[in-house]
């Protein structure tokens, strides 16, 4: 099942119920004008620039392992299409080797959602995009993909956003979203 389907069905049912209630209400009780939908095309503007990144990565997700590795690196984020897209490049070095990660973030003005498309230099291909949006200073993005032969849910969260710092977290769920295991934490501090 597409993980977005419950969200779409919930929105459809809410809209249908609201329309029916408005049709039976008296004209004086009807709202004068609906609030304009939020335009999130500049949600990632906070991240444009160069950042020092401290990264913690769970070595073997969804295996019961508690072994983490920590890396320090640099992330450079460039604005594209006047903020409706951006390109982030993360570079780190550790005893285990060099890590290069590219993230292309694209804003869909019709859906008012972002897709986060990530690749690492070793694979050379884009992974499954996580899709979502920001609300109240927190961004949540989801997808469904295969990990170790099993279908899992993936959640990316942007939080603790200030002018000079932010936090990114990735988590996996192999039980349909009942529980989540965080496996990637990146804390960015602005360089310029």
C-alpha atoms as a PDB file:
ATOM      1  CA  UNK A   1       0.000   0.000   0.000  1.00  0.00           C
ATOM      2  CA  UNK A   2       1.303   3.428  -0.825  1.00  0.00           C
ATOM      3  CA  UNK A   3       2.112   5.136   2.502  1.00  0.00           C
ATOM      4  CA  UNK A   4       0.652   8.397   1.226  1.00  0.00           C
ATOM      5  CA  UNK A   5      -2.730   6.740   0.602  1.00  0.00           C
ATOM      6  CA  UNK A   6      -3.974   7.034   4.252  1.00  0.00           C
ATOM      7  CA  UNK A   7      -3.069  10.726   4.193  1.00  0.00           C
ATOM      8  CA  UNK A   8      -4.939  11.264   0.929  1.00  0.00           C
ATOM      9  CA  UNK A   9      -7.974   9.298   2.119  1.00  0.00           C
ATOM     10  CA  UNK A  10      -8.015  11.181   5.434  1.00  0.00           C
ATOM     11  CA  UNK A  11      -7.832  14.526   3.653  1.00  0.00           C
ATOM     12  CA  UNK A  12     -10.568  13.468   1.223  1.00  0.00           C
ATOM     13  CA  UNK A  13     -12.881  12.351   4.035  1.00  0.00           C
ATOM     14  CA  UNK A  14     -12.225  15.566   6.000  1.00  0.00           C
ATOM     15  CA  UNK A  15     -12.935  17.675   2.912  1.00  0.00           C
ATOM     16  CA  UNK A  16     -16.130  15.752   2.142  1.00  0.00           C
ATOM     17  CA  UNK A  17     -17.397  16.123   5.734  1.00  0.00           C
ATOM     18  CA  UNK A  18     -16.561  19.838   5.798  1.00  0.00           C
ATOM     19  CA  UNK A  19     -18.347  20.389   2.466  1.00  0.00           C
ATOM     20  CA  UNK A  20     -21.474  18.578   3.704  1.00  0.00           C
ATOM     21  CA  UNK A  21     -21.503  20.548   6.963  1.00  0.00           C
ATOM     22  CA  UNK A  22     -21.111  23.856   5.113  1.00  0.00           C
ATOM     23  CA  UNK A  23     -23.981  22.972   2.761  1.00  0.00           C
ATOM     24  CA  UNK A  24     -26.390  22.420   5.681  1.00  0.00           C
ATOM     25  CA  UNK A  25     -25.246  25.429   7.741  1.00  0.00           C
ATOM     26  CA  UNK A  26     -26.998  28.766   7.559  1.00  0.00           C
ATOM     27  CA  UNK A  27     -25.374  31.418   5.316  1.00  0.00           C
ATOM     28  CA  UNK A  28     -24.407  33.489   8.384  1.00  0.00           C
ATOM     29  CA  UNK A  29     -22.491  30.511   9.822  1.00  0.00           C
ATOM     30  CA  UNK A  30     -20.495  29.807   6.633  1.00  0.00           C
ATOM     31  CA  UNK A  31     -16.877  31.033   6.721  1.00  0.00           C
ATOM     32  CA  UNK A  32     -16.289  34.172   4.664  1.00  0.00           C
ATOM     33  CA  UNK A  33     -13.182  32.817   3.019  1.00  0.00           C
ATOM     34  CA  UNK A  34     -11.042  29.693   3.455  1.00  0.00           C
ATOM     35  CA  UNK A  35      -7.437  30.150   4.530  1.00  0.00           C
ATOM     36  CA  UNK A  36      -4.965  30.045   1.666  1.00  0.00           C
ATOM     37  CA  UNK A  37      -2.912  26.826   1.518  1.00  0.00           C
ATOM     38  CA  UNK A  38       0.619  27.212   2.840  1.00  0.00           C
ATOM     39  CA  UNK A  39       3.303  27.749   0.193  1.00  0.00           C
ATOM     40  CA  UNK A  40       6.444  25.928   1.337  1.00  0.00           C
ATOM     41  CA  UNK A  41       8.695  26.616  -1.642  1.00  0.00           C
ATOM     42  CA  UNK A  42      11.281  28.390   0.534  1.00  0.00           C
ATOM     43  CA  UNK A  43      11.270  25.898   3.424  1.00  0.00           C
ATOM     44  CA  UNK A  44      14.884  24.871   2.792  1.00  0.00           C
ATOM     45  CA  UNK A  45      16.253  28.423   2.421  1.00  0.00           C
ATOM     46  CA  UNK A  46      17.583  28.165   5.999  1.00  0.00           C
ATOM     47  CA  UNK A  47      20.120  25.592   4.820  1.00  0.00           C
ATOM     48  CA  UNK A  48      21.720  27.498   1.932  1.00  0.00           C
ATOM     49  CA  UNK A  49      25.429  27.877   2.690  1.00  0.00           C
ATOM     50  CA  UNK A  50      28.359  25.911   4.082  1.00  0.00           C
ATOM     51  CA  UNK A  51      28.034  23.786   7.223  1.00  0.00           C
ATOM     52  CA  UNK A  52      30.236  21.778   9.543  1.00  0.00           C
ATOM     53  CA  UNK A  53      28.451  18.418   9.856  1.00  0.00           C
ATOM     54  CA  UNK A  54      28.777  15.997  12.764  1.00  0.00           C
ATOM     55  CA  UNK A  55      27.325  12.666  11.686  1.00  0.00           C
ATOM     56  CA  UNK A  56      26.412   9.575  13.713  1.00  0.00           C
ATOM     57  CA  UNK A  57      25.478   6.454  11.751  1.00  0.00           C
ATOM     58  CA  UNK A  58      24.153   3.144  13.084  1.00  0.00           C
ATOM     59  CA  UNK A  59      26.368   0.500  11.468  1.00  0.00           C
ATOM     60  CA  UNK A  60      23.749  -2.257  11.093  1.00  0.00           C
ATOM     61  CA  UNK A  61      20.174  -0.890  11.185  1.00  0.00           C
ATOM     62  CA  UNK A  62      17.248  -3.152  12.096  1.00  0.00           C
ATOM     63  CA  UNK A  63      19.535  -5.888  13.391  1.00  0.00           C
ATOM     64  CA  UNK A  64      19.500  -5.147  17.114  1.00  0.00           C
ATOM     65  CA  UNK A  65      22.973  -3.632  16.823  1.00  0.00           C
ATOM     66  CA  UNK A  66      23.876  -0.613  18.948  1.00  0.00           C
ATOM     67  CA  UNK A  67      27.204   0.084  17.227  1.00  0.00           C
ATOM     68  CA  UNK A  68      27.468   3.652  15.945  1.00  0.00           C
ATOM     69  CA  UNK A  69      30.244   5.398  14.032  1.00  0.00           C
ATOM     70  CA  UNK A  70      30.812   9.140  14.198  1.00  0.00           C
ATOM     71  CA  UNK A  71      32.136  11.273  11.355  1.00  0.00           C
ATOM     72  CA  UNK A  72      32.863  14.954  10.842  1.00  0.00           C
ATOM     73  CA  UNK A  73      32.583  16.605   7.481  1.00  0.00           C
ATOM     74  CA  UNK A  74      31.352  19.524   5.447  1.00  0.00           C
ATOM     75  CA  UNK A  75      28.007  20.087   3.782  1.00  0.00           C
ATOM     76  CA  UNK A  76      27.563  22.706   1.047  1.00  0.00           C
ATOM     77  CA  UNK A  77      24.001  23.588   0.010  1.00  0.00           C
ATOM     78  CA  UNK A  78      23.278  25.583  -3.158  1.00  0.00           C
ATOM     79  CA  UNK A  79      19.962  27.219  -4.056  1.00  0.00           C
ATOM     80  CA  UNK A  80      18.405  26.260  -7.398  1.00  0.00           C
ATOM     81  CA  UNK A  81      15.282  27.669  -9.106  1.00  0.00           C
ATOM     82  CA  UNK A  82      15.028  30.601  -6.674  1.00  0.00           C
ATOM     83  CA  UNK A  83      14.705  28.235  -3.705  1.00  0.00           C
ATOM     84  CA  UNK A  84      12.195  25.770  -5.167  1.00  0.00           C
ATOM     85  CA  UNK A  85      15.066  23.264  -5.286  1.00  0.00           C
ATOM     86  CA  UNK A  86      18.513  22.902  -3.800  1.00  0.00           C
ATOM     87  CA  UNK A  87      21.548  20.686  -4.046  1.00  0.00           C
ATOM     88  CA  UNK A  88      23.391  19.539  -0.916  1.00  0.00           C
ATOM     89  CA  UNK A  89      26.810  17.859  -0.967  1.00  0.00           C
ATOM     90  CA  UNK A  90      28.154  16.112   2.144  1.00  0.00           C
ATOM     91  CA  UNK A  91      31.821  15.068   2.285  1.00  0.00           C
ATOM     92  CA  UNK A  92      33.349  13.188   5.245  1.00  0.00           C
ATOM     93  CA  UNK A  93      36.500  11.221   5.926  1.00  0.00           C
ATOM     94  CA  UNK A  94      36.918   8.513   8.542  1.00  0.00           C
ATOM     95  CA  UNK A  95      39.040   5.453   9.210  1.00  0.00           C
ATOM     96  CA  UNK A  96      36.406   3.469   7.289  1.00  0.00           C
ATOM     97  CA  UNK A  97      36.926   5.651   4.205  1.00  0.00           C
ATOM     98  CA  UNK A  98      35.520   8.643   2.377  1.00  0.00           C
ATOM     99  CA  UNK A  99      31.781   9.259   2.242  1.00  0.00           C
ATOM    100  CA  UNK A 100      30.215  11.490  -0.441  1.00  0.00           C
ATOM    101  CA  UNK A 101      26.454  12.046  -0.323  1.00  0.00           C
ATOM    102  CA  UNK A 102      24.422  14.192  -2.710  1.00  0.00           C
ATOM    103  CA  UNK A 103      20.870  15.325  -1.985  1.00  0.00           C
ATOM    104  CA  UNK A 104      18.637  16.952  -4.579  1.00  0.00           C
ATOM    105  CA  UNK A 105      15.550  18.484  -2.981  1.00  0.00           C
ATOM    106  CA  UNK A 106      12.658  19.443  -5.249  1.00  0.00           C
ATOM    107  CA  UNK A 107       9.497  21.391  -4.403  1.00  0.00           C
ATOM    108  CA  UNK A 108       6.203  20.363  -6.029  1.00  0.00           C
ATOM    109  CA  UNK A 109       4.047  23.536  -6.103  1.00  0.00           C
ATOM    110  CA  UNK A 110       0.832  21.599  -6.847  1.00  0.00           C
ATOM    111  CA  UNK A 111       1.185  19.200  -3.903  1.00  0.00           C
ATOM    112  CA  UNK A 112       3.030  21.801  -1.779  1.00  0.00           C
ATOM    113  CA  UNK A 113       5.484  19.070  -0.788  1.00  0.00           C
ATOM    114  CA  UNK A 114       9.183  18.398  -1.144  1.00  0.00           C
ATOM    115  CA  UNK A 115      10.863  15.263  -2.455  1.00  0.00           C
ATOM    116  CA  UNK A 116      14.314  14.528  -1.035  1.00  0.00           C
ATOM    117  CA  UNK A 117      16.382  12.537  -3.537  1.00  0.00           C
ATOM    118  CA  UNK A 118      19.682  11.158  -2.261  1.00  0.00           C
ATOM    119  CA  UNK A 119      22.659   9.370  -3.782  1.00  0.00           C
ATOM    120  CA  UNK A 120      26.077   8.355  -2.553  1.00  0.00           C
ATOM    121  CA  UNK A 121      29.163   8.283  -4.752  1.00  0.00           C
ATOM    122  CA  UNK A 122      29.649   4.520  -4.307  1.00  0.00           C
ATOM    123  CA  UNK A 123      26.259   3.636  -5.841  1.00  0.00           C
ATOM    124  CA  UNK A 124      26.024   6.513  -8.316  1.00  0.00           C
ATOM    125  CA  UNK A 125      22.224   6.381  -8.505  1.00  0.00           C
ATOM    126  CA  UNK A 126      19.390   8.255  -6.812  1.00  0.00           C
ATOM    127  CA  UNK A 127      17.507   6.342  -4.153  1.00  0.00           C
ATOM    128  CA  UNK A 128      13.765   6.343  -3.508  1.00  0.00           C
ATOM    129  CA  UNK A 129      12.684   9.919  -2.715  1.00  0.00           C
ATOM    130  CA  UNK A 130      11.238  10.720   0.688  1.00  0.00           C
ATOM    131  CA  UNK A 131       8.259  13.061   0.356  1.00  0.00           C
ATOM    132  CA  UNK A 132       6.803  15.481   2.879  1.00  0.00           C
ATOM    133  CA  UNK A 133       6.618  19.015   4.164  1.00  0.00           C
ATOM    134  CA  UNK A 134       7.394  21.401   6.999  1.00  0.00           C
ATOM    135  CA  UNK A 135       4.883  22.279   9.723  1.00  0.00           C
ATOM    136  CA  UNK A 136       5.625  24.441  12.735  1.00  0.00           C
ATOM    137  CA  UNK A 137       9.386  24.471  12.065  1.00  0.00           C
ATOM    138  CA  UNK A 138       9.708  20.688  11.663  1.00  0.00           C
ATOM    139  CA  UNK A 139      10.028  18.820   8.381  1.00  0.00           C
ATOM    140  CA  UNK A 140       8.851  15.205   8.072  1.00  0.00           C
ATOM    141  CA  UNK A 141       9.396  13.109   4.947  1.00  0.00           C
ATOM    142  CA  UNK A 142       8.476   9.455   4.297  1.00  0.00           C
ATOM    143  CA  UNK A 143       8.983   6.681   1.782  1.00  0.00           C
ATOM    144  CA  UNK A 144       8.712   2.930   1.422  1.00  0.00           C
ATOM    145  CA  UNK A 145      11.692   0.921   0.202  1.00  0.00           C
ATOM    146  CA  UNK A 146      13.445  -2.417   0.406  1.00  0.00           C
ATOM    147  CA  UNK A 147      16.153  -2.998   3.005  1.00  0.00           C
ATOM    148  CA  UNK A 148      17.845  -6.386   3.459  1.00  0.00           C
ATOM    149  CA  UNK A 149      15.118  -7.994   1.338  1.00  0.00           C
ATOM    150  CA  UNK A 150      12.232  -6.571   3.415  1.00  0.00           C
ATOM    151  CA  UNK A 151       9.869  -3.701   2.686  1.00  0.00           C
ATOM    152  CA  UNK A 152      10.319  -0.980   5.292  1.00  0.00           C
ATOM    153  CA  UNK A 153       9.221   2.598   5.924  1.00  0.00           C
ATOM    154  CA  UNK A 154      11.776   5.397   6.019  1.00  0.00           C
ATOM    155  CA  UNK A 155      11.270   8.676   7.866  1.00  0.00           C
ATOM    156  CA  UNK A 156      13.487  11.761   7.585  1.00  0.00           C
ATOM    157  CA  UNK A 157      13.031  14.577  10.096  1.00  0.00           C
ATOM    158  CA  UNK A 158      14.464  18.116  10.053  1.00  0.00           C
ATOM    159  CA  UNK A 159      14.273  19.822  13.456  1.00  0.00           C
ATOM    160  CA  UNK A 160      15.994  22.225  15.867  1.00  0.00           C
ATOM    161  CA  UNK A 161      16.329  24.720  13.008  1.00  0.00           C
ATOM    162  CA  UNK A 162      17.996  28.049  13.810  1.00  0.00           C
ATOM    163  CA  UNK A 163      19.919  30.552  11.687  1.00  0.00           C
ATOM    164  CA  UNK A 164      23.183  28.744  12.503  1.00  0.00           C
ATOM    165  CA  UNK A 165      22.289  25.115  13.193  1.00  0.00           C
ATOM    166  CA  UNK A 166      19.895  22.295  12.360  1.00  0.00           C
ATOM    167  CA  UNK A 167      19.405  18.585  12.955  1.00  0.00           C
ATOM    168  CA  UNK A 168      18.581  15.841  10.451  1.00  0.00           C
ATOM    169  CA  UNK A 169      17.518  12.361  11.498  1.00  0.00           C
ATOM    170  CA  UNK A 170      16.711   9.237   9.494  1.00  0.00           C
ATOM    171  CA  UNK A 171      14.792   6.309  10.982  1.00  0.00           C
ATOM    172  CA  UNK A 172      13.589   2.934   9.696  1.00  0.00           C
ATOM    173  CA  UNK A 173      10.452   0.997  10.624  1.00  0.00           C
ATOM    174  CA  UNK A 174       9.892  -2.654   9.759  1.00  0.00           C
ATOM    175  CA  UNK A 175       6.533  -2.861  11.551  1.00  0.00           C
ATOM    176  CA  UNK A 176       4.460  -0.442   9.468  1.00  0.00           C
ATOM    177  CA  UNK A 177       5.399   2.667  11.458  1.00  0.00           C
ATOM    178  CA  UNK A 178       4.497   1.410  14.939  1.00  0.00           C
ATOM    179  CA  UNK A 179       8.124   1.781  16.043  1.00  0.00           C
ATOM    180  CA  UNK A 180      11.075   3.618  14.519  1.00  0.00           C
ATOM    181  CA  UNK A 181      14.812   2.980  14.833  1.00  0.00           C
ATOM    182  CA  UNK A 182      16.971   6.052  14.263  1.00  0.00           C
ATOM    183  CA  UNK A 183      20.054   5.149  12.201  1.00  0.00           C
ATOM    184  CA  UNK A 184      21.473   8.470  10.963  1.00  0.00           C
ATOM    185  CA  UNK A 185      21.830  11.739  12.903  1.00  0.00           C
ATOM    186  CA  UNK A 186      23.471  14.802  11.370  1.00  0.00           C
ATOM    187  CA  UNK A 187      23.932  18.033  13.298  1.00  0.00           C
ATOM    188  CA  UNK A 188      24.955  20.982  11.140  1.00  0.00           C
ATOM    189  CA  UNK A 189      26.614  24.175  12.356  1.00  0.00           C
ATOM    190  CA  UNK A 190      26.917  27.066   9.928  1.00  0.00           C
ATOM    191  CA  UNK A 191      30.379  27.983   8.660  1.00  0.00           C
ATOM    192  CA  UNK A 192      29.158  30.694   6.263  1.00  0.00           C
END
